[in-house]
């Protein structure tokens, strides 16, 4: 169960970083 929780925590962290990257690239495009 702990490994599953850890997987979701890492997944959420990666999504946050990806969203931040998208915001930055969109900001440069605008």
C-alpha atoms as a PDB file:
ATOM      1  CA  UNK A   1       0.000   0.000   0.000  1.00  0.00           C
ATOM      2  CA  UNK A   2       2.842   2.393   0.813  1.00  0.00           C
ATOM      3  CA  UNK A   3       4.366   1.895  -2.639  1.00  0.00           C
ATOM      4  CA  UNK A   4       1.014   2.782  -4.220  1.00  0.00           C
ATOM      5  CA  UNK A   5       0.720   5.962  -2.150  1.00  0.00           C
ATOM      6  CA  UNK A   6       4.275   6.907  -3.056  1.00  0.00           C
ATOM      7  CA  UNK A   7       3.482   6.369  -6.749  1.00  0.00           C
ATOM      8  CA  UNK A   8       0.513   8.749  -6.593  1.00  0.00           C
ATOM      9  CA  UNK A   9       2.540  11.371  -4.693  1.00  0.00           C
ATOM     10  CA  UNK A  10       5.255  11.272  -7.364  1.00  0.00           C
ATOM     11  CA  UNK A  11       2.619  11.328 -10.105  1.00  0.00           C
ATOM     12  CA  UNK A  12       0.990  14.445  -8.612  1.00  0.00           C
ATOM     13  CA  UNK A  13       4.381  16.140  -8.234  1.00  0.00           C
ATOM     14  CA  UNK A  14       5.199  15.424 -11.881  1.00  0.00           C
ATOM     15  CA  UNK A  15       1.811  16.810 -12.962  1.00  0.00           C
ATOM     16  CA  UNK A  16       2.453  20.018 -10.987  1.00  0.00           C
ATOM     17  CA  UNK A  17       5.855  20.440 -12.655  1.00  0.00           C
ATOM     18  CA  UNK A  18       4.328  19.719 -16.074  1.00  0.00           C
ATOM     19  CA  UNK A  19       1.558  22.278 -15.505  1.00  0.00           C
ATOM     20  CA  UNK A  20       4.171  24.855 -14.453  1.00  0.00           C
ATOM     21  CA  UNK A  21       6.176  24.091 -17.615  1.00  0.00           C
ATOM     22  CA  UNK A  22       3.054  24.543 -19.771  1.00  0.00           C
ATOM     23  CA  UNK A  23       2.270  27.877 -18.088  1.00  0.00           C
ATOM     24  CA  UNK A  24       5.819  29.111 -18.748  1.00  0.00           C
ATOM     25  CA  UNK A  25       5.797  28.031 -22.413  1.00  0.00           C
ATOM     26  CA  UNK A  26       2.338  29.542 -22.953  1.00  0.00           C
ATOM     27  CA  UNK A  27       3.559  32.770 -21.338  1.00  0.00           C
ATOM     28  CA  UNK A  28       6.464  32.932 -23.806  1.00  0.00           C
ATOM     29  CA  UNK A  29       4.140  32.241 -26.742  1.00  0.00           C
ATOM     30  CA  UNK A  30       1.859  35.108 -25.675  1.00  0.00           C
END
